[in-house]
C-alpha atoms as a PDB file:
ATOM      1  CA  MET A   1     190.792  48.883 119.620  1.00  0.00           C
ATOM      2  CA  THR A   2     189.443  51.071 116.597  1.00  0.00           C
ATOM      3  CA  TYR A   3     190.352  50.726 112.908  1.00  0.00           C
ATOM      4  CA  PRO A   4     190.648  53.543 109.984  1.00  0.00           C
ATOM      5  CA  GLN A   5     189.198  53.148 107.030  1.00  0.00           C
ATOM      6  CA  ASN A   6     190.977  51.226 104.409  1.00  0.00           C
ATOM      7  CA  SER A   7     191.107  50.443 101.105  1.00  0.00           C
ATOM      8  CA  GLU A   8     194.724  48.880 100.361  1.00  0.00           C
ATOM      9  CA  PRO A   9     195.583  45.728  99.208  1.00  0.00           C
ATOM     10  CA  LEU A  10     196.025  42.868 101.977  1.00  0.00           C
ATOM     11  CA  GLU A  11     199.026  41.769  99.474  1.00  0.00           C
ATOM     12  CA  ASP A  12     200.339  45.798  99.918  1.00  0.00           C
ATOM     13  CA  VAL A  13     199.888  45.935 103.741  1.00  0.00           C
ATOM     14  CA  LEU A  14     201.391  42.433 104.045  1.00  0.00           C
ATOM     15  CA  ARG A  15     204.435  43.437 102.189  1.00  0.00           C
ATOM     16  CA  ALA A  16     204.835  46.838 104.090  1.00  0.00           C
ATOM     17  CA  ALA A  17     204.183  45.284 107.713  1.00  0.00           C
ATOM     18  CA  ARG A  18     206.924  42.317 106.909  1.00  0.00           C
ATOM     19  CA  ALA A  19     208.813  45.035 105.613  1.00  0.00           C
ATOM     20  CA  CYS A  20     208.864  47.604 108.672  1.00  0.00           C
ATOM     21  CA  ILE A  21     211.342  48.669 110.867  1.00  0.00           C
ATOM     22  CA  VAL A  22     210.050  50.887 113.353  1.00  0.00           C
ATOM     23  CA  CYS A  23     211.445  48.987 116.169  1.00  0.00           C
ATOM     24  CA  ALA A  24     214.734  47.814 114.883  1.00  0.00           C
ATOM     25  CA  ALA A  25     216.515  49.418 117.365  1.00  0.00           C
ATOM     26  CA  SER A  26     215.267  47.985 120.145  1.00  0.00           C
ATOM     27  CA  LEU A  27     215.034  44.589 118.958  1.00  0.00           C
ATOM     28  CA  PRO A  28     218.229  42.424 119.943  1.00  0.00           C
ATOM     29  CA  LEU A  29     218.097  39.958 116.749  1.00  0.00           C
ATOM     30  CA  GLY A  30     216.840  42.332 114.412  1.00  0.00           C
ATOM     31  CA  PRO A  31     213.498  42.942 113.144  1.00  0.00           C
ATOM     32  CA  ARG A  32     211.592  40.053 111.468  1.00  0.00           C
ATOM     33  CA  PRO A  33     207.997  40.321 111.546  1.00  0.00           C
ATOM     34  CA  ILE A  34     206.203  37.441 111.619  1.00  0.00           C
ATOM     35  CA  ILE A  35     202.687  37.117 110.308  1.00  0.00           C
ATOM     36  CA  GLN A  36     200.165  34.774 108.297  1.00  0.00           C
ATOM     37  CA  ALA A  37     196.774  37.086 106.662  1.00  0.00           C
ATOM     38  CA  GLY A  38     194.378  36.293 103.964  1.00  0.00           C
ATOM     39  CA  ALA A  39     191.184  37.881 102.730  1.00  0.00           C
ATOM     40  CA  GLY A  40     189.298  34.753 103.110  1.00  0.00           C
ATOM     41  CA  ALA A  41     190.091  34.095 106.996  1.00  0.00           C
ATOM     42  CA  ALA A  42     187.697  33.438 109.771  1.00  0.00           C
ATOM     43  CA  VAL A  43     189.403  32.786 112.333  1.00  0.00           C
ATOM     44  CA  LEU A  44     192.074  35.350 113.589  1.00  0.00           C
ATOM     45  CA  ILE A  45     194.830  34.194 116.453  1.00  0.00           C
ATOM     46  CA  VAL A  46     196.251  37.402 118.493  1.00  0.00           C
ATOM     47  CA  GLY A  47     199.058  35.988 120.359  1.00  0.00           C
ATOM     48  CA  GLN A  48     202.281  38.361 121.906  1.00  0.00           C
ATOM     49  CA  ALA A  49     205.500  38.064 119.754  1.00  0.00           C
ATOM     50  CA  PRO A  50     207.539  35.530 118.505  1.00  0.00           C
ATOM     51  CA  GLY A  51     210.275  33.490 120.357  1.00  0.00           C
ATOM     52  CA  THR A  52     213.919  32.829 119.255  1.00  0.00           C
ATOM     53  CA  ARG A  53     212.594  29.681 117.318  1.00  0.00           C
ATOM     54  CA  VAL A  54     209.974  31.515 115.666  1.00  0.00           C
ATOM     55  CA  HIS A  55     212.658  34.060 114.854  1.00  0.00           C
ATOM     56  CA  ALA A  56     214.836  32.025 113.173  1.00  0.00           C
ATOM     57  CA  SER A  57     212.363  29.701 111.187  1.00  0.00           C
ATOM     58  CA  GLY A  58     210.334  33.029 109.648  1.00  0.00           C
ATOM     59  CA  VAL A  59     207.276  30.814 110.751  1.00  0.00           C
ATOM     60  CA  PRO A  60     204.416  31.684 113.266  1.00  0.00           C
ATOM     61  CA  TRP A  61     203.863  29.162 116.014  1.00  0.00           C
ATOM     62  CA  ASP A  62     206.621  27.136 115.069  1.00  0.00           C
ATOM     63  CA  ASP A  63     207.289  25.871 118.315  1.00  0.00           C
ATOM     64  CA  ALA A  64     206.287  23.773 121.300  1.00  0.00           C
ATOM     65  CA  SER A  65     203.719  26.325 121.694  1.00  0.00           C
ATOM     66  CA  GLY A  66     202.231  25.868 118.859  1.00  0.00           C
ATOM     67  CA  ASP A  67     201.570  22.382 118.933  1.00  0.00           C
ATOM     68  CA  ARG A  68     199.902  22.616 122.294  1.00  0.00           C
ATOM     69  CA  LEU A  69     197.840  25.113 120.655  1.00  0.00           C
ATOM     70  CA  ARG A  70     196.793  23.806 117.780  1.00  0.00           C
ATOM     71  CA  ASP A  71     195.855  20.830 120.060  1.00  0.00           C
ATOM     72  CA  TRP A  72     193.889  22.753 121.870  1.00  0.00           C
ATOM     73  CA  THR A  73     192.010  24.221 119.057  1.00  0.00           C
ATOM     74  CA  GLY A  74     191.666  21.086 117.295  1.00  0.00           C
ATOM     75  CA  VAL A  75     193.287  22.730 114.310  1.00  0.00           C
ATOM     76  CA  ASP A  76     195.522  20.646 112.349  1.00  0.00           C
ATOM     77  CA  ARG A  77     198.645  21.936 110.503  1.00  0.00           C
ATOM     78  CA  THR A  78     197.524  22.389 107.038  1.00  0.00           C
ATOM     79  CA  THR A  79     194.429  24.335 108.215  1.00  0.00           C
ATOM     80  CA  PHE A  80     196.422  26.058 110.502  1.00  0.00           C
ATOM     81  CA  TYR A  81     198.928  27.161 107.852  1.00  0.00           C
ATOM     82  CA  ASP A  82     196.057  28.327 105.383  1.00  0.00           C
ATOM     83  CA  PRO A  83     195.981  32.026 105.443  1.00  0.00           C
ATOM     84  CA  ASP A  84     192.306  31.503 104.366  1.00  0.00           C
ATOM     85  CA  ARG A  85     191.226  29.769 107.041  1.00  0.00           C
ATOM     86  CA  VAL A  86     193.830  31.219 109.873  1.00  0.00           C
ATOM     87  CA  ALA A  87     195.422  34.245 110.431  1.00  0.00           C
ATOM     88  CA  LEU A  88     198.199  34.835 113.004  1.00  0.00           C
ATOM     89  CA  MET A  89     198.863  38.163 114.287  1.00  0.00           C
ATOM     90  CA  PRO A  90     200.664  38.782 117.429  1.00  0.00           C
ATOM     91  CA  MET A  91     200.812  41.958 119.252  1.00  0.00           C
ATOM     92  CA  GLY A  92     204.218  41.909 118.399  1.00  0.00           C
ATOM     93  CA  PHE A  93     205.535  40.598 115.179  1.00  0.00           C
ATOM     94  CA  CYS A  94     209.399  40.097 115.890  1.00  0.00           C
ATOM     95  CA  TYR A  95     210.875  38.738 118.482  1.00  0.00           C
ATOM     96  CA  PRO A  96     211.180  41.594 121.411  1.00  0.00           C
ATOM     97  CA  GLY A  97     214.361  40.236 123.430  1.00  0.00           C
ATOM     98  CA  ALA A  98     214.436  38.560 126.649  1.00  0.00           C
ATOM     99  CA  GLU A  99     214.363  39.752 130.172  1.00  0.00           C
ATOM    100  CA  PRO A 100     217.412  38.116 132.366  1.00  0.00           C
ATOM    101  CA  GLY A 101     215.536  35.562 134.786  1.00  0.00           C
ATOM    102  CA  ALA A 102     212.015  36.170 133.527  1.00  0.00           C
ATOM    103  CA  GLY A 103     211.563  34.897 129.618  1.00  0.00           C
ATOM    104  CA  ASP A 104     210.764  36.945 126.723  1.00  0.00           C
ATOM    105  CA  LYS A 105     209.999  41.216 126.840  1.00  0.00           C
ATOM    106  CA  PRO A 106     206.447  42.420 126.191  1.00  0.00           C
ATOM    107  CA  PRO A 107     205.866  42.646 122.506  1.00  0.00           C
ATOM    108  CA  ARG A 108     206.592  45.977 121.302  1.00  0.00           C
ATOM    109  CA  PRO A 109     203.769  48.586 122.252  1.00  0.00           C
ATOM    110  CA  GLU A 110     204.588  50.373 118.658  1.00  0.00           C
ATOM    111  CA  CYS A 111     203.215  47.070 116.791  1.00  0.00           C
ATOM    112  CA  ALA A 112     200.078  46.615 116.997  1.00  0.00           C
ATOM    113  CA  PRO A 113     198.433  50.216 117.122  1.00  0.00           C
ATOM    114  CA  LEU A 114     200.477  50.546 113.512  1.00  0.00           C
ATOM    115  CA  TRP A 115     199.553  47.355 112.031  1.00  0.00           C
ATOM    116  CA  HIS A 116     196.523  45.675 113.200  1.00  0.00           C
ATOM    117  CA  GLY A 117     193.865  48.068 112.536  1.00  0.00           C
ATOM    118  CA  ARG A 118     194.977  48.290 108.347  1.00  0.00           C
ATOM    119  CA  LEU A 119     194.819  44.304 108.178  1.00  0.00           C
ATOM    120  CA  LEU A 120     191.795  43.768 110.085  1.00  0.00           C
ATOM    121  CA  LYS A 121     189.987  45.944 107.734  1.00  0.00           C
ATOM    122  CA  LEU A 122     191.172  43.981 104.982  1.00  0.00           C
ATOM    123  CA  MET A 123     189.719  40.602 106.825  1.00  0.00           C
ATOM    124  CA  PRO A 124     186.354  40.923 106.844  1.00  0.00           C
ATOM    125  CA  ASN A 125     185.281  37.090 107.095  1.00  0.00           C
ATOM    126  CA  ILE A 126     186.364  36.834 110.863  1.00  0.00           C
ATOM    127  CA  ARG A 127     184.450  34.960 112.799  1.00  0.00           C
ATOM    128  CA  LEU A 128     185.988  34.308 115.639  1.00  0.00           C
ATOM    129  CA  THR A 129     189.082  36.033 117.240  1.00  0.00           C
ATOM    130  CA  LEU A 130     191.149  33.668 119.689  1.00  0.00           C
ATOM    131  CA  LEU A 131     192.844  36.203 122.296  1.00  0.00           C
ATOM    132  CA  VAL A 132     196.525  34.503 123.541  1.00  0.00           C
ATOM    133  CA  GLY A 133     197.434  35.691 127.171  1.00  0.00           C
ATOM    134  CA  LEU A 134     197.046  38.998 128.723  1.00  0.00           C
ATOM    135  CA  PHE A 135     198.790  41.236 126.051  1.00  0.00           C
ATOM    136  CA  ALA A 136     196.023  40.610 123.463  1.00  0.00           C
ATOM    137  CA  GLN A 137     193.003  40.696 125.784  1.00  0.00           C
ATOM    138  CA  LYS A 138     193.405  44.150 127.509  1.00  0.00           C
ATOM    139  CA  ALA A 139     194.013  45.269 123.711  1.00  0.00           C
ATOM    140  CA  TYR A 140     190.907  43.766 122.788  1.00  0.00           C
ATOM    141  CA  LEU A 141     188.294  42.858 125.446  1.00  0.00           C
ATOM    142  CA  PRO A 142     186.446  45.786 127.183  1.00  0.00           C
ATOM    143  CA  PRO A 143     188.076  47.064 130.187  1.00  0.00           C
ATOM    144  CA  PRO A 144     188.221  46.285 132.919  1.00  0.00           C
ATOM    145  CA  VAL A 145     190.962  42.926 132.266  1.00  0.00           C
ATOM    146  CA  THR A 146     191.992  41.773 135.433  1.00  0.00           C
ATOM    147  CA  THR A 147     193.716  38.977 135.604  1.00  0.00           C
ATOM    148  CA  LEU A 148     194.250  36.202 132.732  1.00  0.00           C
ATOM    149  CA  THR A 149     192.887  33.503 135.246  1.00  0.00           C
ATOM    150  CA  GLU A 150     189.683  35.275 135.457  1.00  0.00           C
ATOM    151  CA  THR A 151     189.646  36.041 132.083  1.00  0.00           C
ATOM    152  CA  VAL A 152     189.645  33.021 130.877  1.00  0.00           C
ATOM    153  CA  ARG A 153     187.784  31.716 133.259  1.00  0.00           C
ATOM    154  CA  THR A 154     184.624  33.778 132.198  1.00  0.00           C
ATOM    155  CA  PHE A 155     185.279  33.024 128.231  1.00  0.00           C
ATOM    156  CA  ALA A 156     181.647  32.514 127.612  1.00  0.00           C
ATOM    157  CA  THR A 157     180.993  36.443 128.398  1.00  0.00           C
ATOM    158  CA  PHE A 158     183.089  37.341 125.340  1.00  0.00           C
ATOM    159  CA  ARG A 159     181.726  34.802 122.679  1.00  0.00           C
ATOM    160  CA  PRO A 160     181.093  34.565 119.912  1.00  0.00           C
ATOM    161  CA  ALA A 161     183.318  37.160 118.762  1.00  0.00           C
ATOM    162  CA  PHE A 162     186.103  36.452 121.320  1.00  0.00           C
ATOM    163  CA  PHE A 163     187.405  33.304 123.256  1.00  0.00           C
ATOM    164  CA  PRO A 164     190.830  34.063 125.604  1.00  0.00           C
ATOM    165  CA  LEU A 165     193.177  31.598 126.347  1.00  0.00           C
ATOM    166  CA  PRO A 166     196.526  31.318 127.890  1.00  0.00           C
ATOM    167  CA  HIS A 167     199.590  31.446 126.302  1.00  0.00           C
ATOM    168  CA  PRO A 168     200.526  27.635 125.381  1.00  0.00           C
ATOM    169  CA  SER A 169     203.958  27.532 126.468  1.00  0.00           C
ATOM    170  CA  TRP A 170     205.413  24.718 129.071  1.00  0.00           C
ATOM    171  CA  ARG A 171     204.572  27.430 131.902  1.00  0.00           C
ATOM    172  CA  SER A 172     201.084  26.601 131.186  1.00  0.00           C
ATOM    173  CA  THR A 173     201.099  23.391 132.577  1.00  0.00           C
ATOM    174  CA  GLY A 174     201.374  24.001 136.034  1.00  0.00           C
ATOM    175  CA  TRP A 175     198.646  27.069 135.481  1.00  0.00           C
ATOM    176  CA  MET A 176     196.289  24.014 134.251  1.00  0.00           C
ATOM    177  CA  ARG A 177     196.892  21.937 136.843  1.00  0.00           C
ATOM    178  CA  ARG A 178     195.933  24.394 139.355  1.00  0.00           C
ATOM    179  CA  ASN A 179     193.198  25.155 137.308  1.00  0.00           C
ATOM    180  CA  PRO A 180     191.298  21.819 135.706  1.00  0.00           C
ATOM    181  CA  TRP A 181     188.106  23.517 135.083  1.00  0.00           C
ATOM    182  CA  TYR A 182     190.082  24.345 132.186  1.00  0.00           C
ATOM    183  CA  GLU A 183     190.070  21.341 130.734  1.00  0.00           C
ATOM    184  CA  ILE A 184     186.773  20.420 131.479  1.00  0.00           C
ATOM    185  CA  ASP A 185     184.895  23.650 130.386  1.00  0.00           C
ATOM    186  CA  VAL A 186     187.013  25.272 128.434  1.00  0.00           C
ATOM    187  CA  LEU A 187     188.603  23.363 125.784  1.00  0.00           C
ATOM    188  CA  PRO A 188     185.653  21.317 124.580  1.00  0.00           C
ATOM    189  CA  ALA A 189     184.033  24.586 124.189  1.00  0.00           C
ATOM    190  CA  LEU A 190     187.095  26.026 121.934  1.00  0.00           C
ATOM    191  CA  ARG A 191     187.557  23.125 119.875  1.00  0.00           C
ATOM    192  CA  THR A 192     183.085  23.267 119.047  1.00  0.00           C
ATOM    193  CA  GLN A 193     183.433  27.345 118.557  1.00  0.00           C
ATOM    194  CA  VAL A 194     186.371  26.927 116.164  1.00  0.00           C
ATOM    195  CA  ALA A 195     185.320  24.109 114.155  1.00  0.00           C
ATOM    196  CA  ALA A 196     181.950  26.370 114.114  1.00  0.00           C
ATOM    197  CA  ALA A 197     183.908  29.145 112.536  1.00  0.00           C
ATOM    198  CA  LEU A 198     185.992  27.421 110.276  1.00  0.00           C
ATOM    199  CA  GLY A 199     183.195  25.712 108.980  1.00  0.00           C
END
């Protein structure tokens, strides 16, 4: 991704992003952009899109996936929800709806190009970006990004700026069982790097 020059105040951009209705006609529950950002943030977490529980609460990662992500990173809730330490910016800011029998739809493609660049220009202290899931990895990592498993397995290739992760949904339980190296090799490195970025 490339980011345009931007001199807008962060609060103005956040206010505009949270009021965005560009995808309204495609969102079954209507627009409710959910994002957390602060000028002092050192860690950025780029996820996929809010689920129904997060859409209802308006709090990013306010579900079982968030609990698992915090466990993976070793970050407590207080730190996680401090926008001047951790920024939470999904590829799609609104709940995109569900595919029958296949989980949630992909994040809306309009969202990241509209907002990520404007926001990132106003968070100059980001030291580490966690890329949660293949949508974020394909957007932020150099091509070719092949499979999620291979990208996570080769996490060290992308350090120190980026750290790819699987999505921490219930489906990751089976994935972790099939890939025991994740808990052995990846999680300790992740916790160390997150702690260092947060200082």
